[in-house]
Amino acid sequence: MATHPFAARADWKPVEKDVPYKIAGKTGPELYASIGERGPKAGVGRAIAFTNFKLTWQRDYRPQPDGACTLATARPKLIISYHLPELEGELPEPVATNWKVFIDGVRKHEAVHGEMIVDMVKQIEAYSIGLSAADDPGCKKVRAKLQERLPSISQARQQRSRDFDRAELSNGGAVHQLVLNLVNGG
């Protein structure tokens, strides 16, 4: 079986980093209030945690002998940042145990957002590599063709992310349960 001359490279990996913000308190309600005061801004209020990313590309556009242009390689550089609460000081039991369950659950939730971002980048990569435009010696048409498609891929990821948050934050959702356990002492 022959491989495509312009195949996606699976050897890239995202750089993932935590961006902590400090919170304080000795009880579940105090910790949650501190999150509300110091958490990352999201919309009109603040979030418990937030995942964002920076994406850049190294692209190799190759003019072809027939006058076409082909995008031969598209190598992503992806940095995913997880903005998470970080506790100042020690906690008494059972608050310490409740906090661990809470923060582990929040990390798990944010990791799903990270996976959605990686999936989006893989979709962009799959669409990009081998993309071609006829009669394009300056490689402008193929660039425009790529730029036309990118918004729909990004918007689909954003919608998946919103749907996931809606389910997780709704009554009975996983994050809602984490908050209740933290605030009410499980």
Protein backbone atom coordinates (compact mmCIF):
# COMPACT_ATOMS: atom_id res chain seq x y z
CA MET A 1 0.00 0.00 0.00
CA ALA A 2 1.50 3.32 -1.05
CA THR A 3 1.53 6.23 1.33
CA HIS A 4 0.40 9.69 0.31
CA PRO A 5 3.45 11.83 -0.49
CA PHE A 6 2.12 14.49 1.86
CA ALA A 7 1.11 12.52 4.94
CA ALA A 8 0.23 13.91 8.36
CA ARG A 9 2.99 13.50 10.90
CA ALA A 10 1.93 11.92 14.15
CA ASP A 11 5.12 12.83 15.98
CA TRP A 12 4.00 16.19 17.38
CA LYS A 13 2.62 16.52 20.87
CA PRO A 14 1.08 19.50 22.59
CA VAL A 15 2.88 21.31 25.35
CA GLU A 16 0.58 21.35 28.36
CA LYS A 17 1.09 23.68 31.28
CA ASP A 18 -0.75 24.60 34.44
CA VAL A 19 -1.34 28.26 35.13
CA PRO A 20 -2.34 28.33 38.80
CA TYR A 21 -4.21 31.07 40.59
CA LYS A 22 -4.03 31.19 44.38
CA ILE A 23 -7.05 30.60 46.58
CA ALA A 24 -7.36 30.50 50.34
CA GLY A 25 -9.75 29.16 52.95
CA LYS A 26 -10.14 26.44 55.55
CA THR A 27 -13.67 25.23 54.74
CA GLY A 28 -15.36 24.15 51.54
CA PRO A 29 -17.52 27.30 51.36
CA GLU A 30 -14.46 29.53 51.99
CA LEU A 31 -12.51 27.77 49.24
CA TYR A 32 -15.38 28.09 46.78
CA ALA A 33 -15.85 31.78 47.67
CA SER A 34 -12.13 32.34 47.05
CA ILE A 35 -12.46 30.66 43.65
CA GLY A 36 -15.35 33.02 42.90
CA GLU A 37 -13.19 36.02 43.78
CA ARG A 38 -9.95 34.96 42.12
CA GLY A 39 -10.89 32.54 39.34
CA PRO A 40 -10.26 33.24 35.66
CA LYS A 41 -12.71 35.64 34.04
CA ALA A 42 -15.21 33.87 31.84
CA GLY A 43 -18.03 35.81 30.28
CA VAL A 44 -19.67 38.06 32.88
CA GLY A 45 -18.27 36.21 35.88
CA ARG A 46 -15.47 33.97 36.94
CA ALA A 47 -14.86 30.30 36.30
CA ILE A 48 -13.47 27.58 38.53
CA ALA A 49 -10.94 26.73 35.83
CA PHE A 50 -10.32 27.57 32.21
CA THR A 51 -8.45 25.94 29.34
CA ASN A 52 -7.05 27.93 26.47
CA PHE A 53 -4.39 27.45 23.86
CA LYS A 54 -1.91 29.03 21.50
CA LEU A 55 -1.55 27.42 18.09
CA THR A 56 1.01 28.26 15.45
CA TRP A 57 1.95 26.39 12.30
CA GLN A 58 4.98 25.69 10.18
CA ARG A 59 3.58 25.21 6.69
CA ASP A 60 5.42 24.23 3.54
CA TYR A 61 3.62 25.39 0.41
CA ARG A 62 5.12 23.92 -2.74
CA PRO A 63 4.51 25.26 -6.23
CA GLN A 64 4.02 22.34 -8.62
CA PRO A 65 5.37 21.95 -12.16
CA ASP A 66 1.83 22.22 -13.59
CA GLY A 67 1.28 25.65 -11.95
CA ALA A 68 -0.70 24.34 -8.98
CA CYS A 69 0.36 24.82 -5.37
CA THR A 70 0.19 22.11 -2.74
CA LEU A 71 0.47 22.38 1.01
CA ALA A 72 3.06 19.67 1.59
CA THR A 73 3.45 19.88 5.36
CA ALA A 74 1.63 21.58 8.19
CA ARG A 75 3.33 21.07 11.52
CA PRO A 76 1.48 22.45 14.53
CA LYS A 77 2.99 23.94 17.66
CA LEU A 78 0.28 23.73 20.29
CA ILE A 79 0.50 25.06 23.83
CA ILE A 80 -2.48 24.23 26.05
CA SER A 81 -2.81 26.20 29.30
CA TYR A 82 -4.94 24.96 32.18
CA HIS A 83 -5.89 27.79 34.55
CA LEU A 84 -6.61 26.01 37.84
CA PRO A 85 -7.07 26.97 41.49
CA GLU A 86 -4.08 26.35 43.72
CA LEU A 87 -4.48 26.16 47.45
CA GLU A 88 -2.47 28.40 49.77
CA GLY A 89 -1.72 26.53 52.99
CA GLU A 90 -2.89 23.28 54.51
CA LEU A 91 -6.44 22.09 55.07
CA PRO A 92 -7.94 20.20 58.01
CA GLU A 93 -9.69 16.89 57.41
CA PRO A 94 -12.20 16.15 55.95
CA VAL A 95 -11.84 19.36 53.90
CA ALA A 96 -8.42 18.24 52.61
CA THR A 97 -9.91 15.02 51.23
CA ASN A 98 -12.87 16.89 49.74
CA TRP A 99 -10.46 19.38 48.14
CA LYS A 100 -8.42 16.58 46.57
CA VAL A 101 -11.55 15.01 45.06
CA PHE A 102 -12.64 18.45 43.82
CA ILE A 103 -9.34 19.49 42.21
CA ASP A 104 -8.78 16.04 40.67
CA GLY A 105 -12.26 16.23 39.14
CA VAL A 106 -11.69 19.76 37.86
CA ARG A 107 -8.38 18.66 36.28
CA LYS A 108 -10.16 15.74 34.62
CA HIS A 109 -12.83 18.10 33.27
CA GLU A 110 -10.26 20.54 31.88
CA ALA A 111 -8.27 17.67 30.34
CA VAL A 112 -11.34 16.88 28.21
CA HIS A 113 -11.22 20.46 26.90
CA GLY A 114 -7.54 19.88 26.13
CA GLU A 115 -8.40 16.69 24.22
CA MET A 116 -10.98 18.64 22.19
CA ILE A 117 -8.31 21.19 21.27
CA VAL A 118 -5.88 18.46 20.21
CA ASP A 119 -8.65 16.84 18.14
CA MET A 120 -9.32 20.18 16.42
CA VAL A 121 -5.63 20.56 15.57
CA LYS A 122 -5.56 17.03 14.13
CA GLN A 123 -8.59 17.88 11.99
CA ILE A 124 -6.86 21.01 10.70
CA GLU A 125 -3.72 19.02 10.01
CA ALA A 126 -5.64 16.30 8.14
CA TYR A 127 -7.45 18.88 6.01
CA SER A 128 -4.30 20.92 5.36
CA ILE A 129 -1.73 18.39 4.25
CA GLY A 130 -1.98 17.76 0.54
CA LEU A 131 -4.44 20.61 0.00
CA SER A 132 -3.91 21.94 -3.49
CA ALA A 133 -5.12 24.68 -5.80
CA ALA A 134 -4.73 24.73 -9.57
CA ASP A 135 -3.20 27.68 -11.40
CA ASP A 136 -1.65 28.98 -8.19
CA PRO A 137 2.06 29.68 -8.78
CA GLY A 138 2.18 32.18 -5.86
CA CYS A 139 0.34 29.79 -3.50
CA LYS A 140 -2.30 32.41 -2.69
CA LYS A 141 -5.34 30.34 -3.73
CA VAL A 142 -4.38 27.35 -1.61
CA ARG A 143 -3.84 29.64 1.40
CA ALA A 144 -7.28 31.18 0.86
CA LYS A 145 -8.81 27.70 0.51
CA LEU A 146 -7.29 26.72 3.86
CA GLN A 147 -8.47 29.92 5.57
CA GLU A 148 -12.04 29.33 4.32
CA ARG A 149 -12.21 25.97 6.14
CA LEU A 150 -10.55 26.85 9.45
CA PRO A 151 -13.45 28.78 11.02
CA SER A 152 -15.87 25.86 10.72
CA ILE A 153 -13.39 23.47 12.36
CA SER A 154 -12.81 25.96 15.19
CA GLN A 155 -16.52 26.67 15.64
CA ALA A 156 -17.29 22.95 15.86
CA ARG A 157 -14.72 22.59 18.67
CA GLN A 158 -16.16 25.60 20.49
CA GLN A 159 -19.66 24.13 20.26
CA ARG A 160 -18.47 20.75 21.57
CA SER A 161 -16.78 22.58 24.46
CA ARG A 162 -19.92 24.57 25.30
CA ASP A 163 -22.09 21.45 25.14
CA PHE A 164 -19.68 19.59 27.42
CA ASP A 165 -19.65 22.45 29.94
CA ARG A 166 -23.43 22.70 29.85
CA ALA A 167 -23.75 19.00 30.70
CA GLU A 168 -21.00 19.03 33.36
CA LEU A 169 -22.19 22.23 35.06
CA SER A 170 -25.92 21.52 34.99
CA ASN A 171 -27.77 20.16 38.02
CA GLY A 172 -26.46 16.68 38.61
CA GLY A 173 -23.51 17.11 36.22
CA ALA A 174 -20.01 16.04 37.23
CA VAL A 175 -18.65 19.52 38.01
CA HIS A 176 -21.87 20.48 39.79
CA GLN A 177 -21.44 17.39 41.98
CA LEU A 178 -17.81 18.33 42.69
CA VAL A 179 -18.89 21.78 43.84
CA LEU A 180 -21.66 20.39 46.04
CA ASN A 181 -19.25 17.91 47.61
CA LEU A 182 -16.71 20.64 48.32
CA VAL A 183 -19.18 23.17 49.70
CA ASN A 184 -21.38 20.76 51.64
CA GLY A 185 -18.63 18.47 52.85
CA GLY A 186 -19.63 15.45 50.78
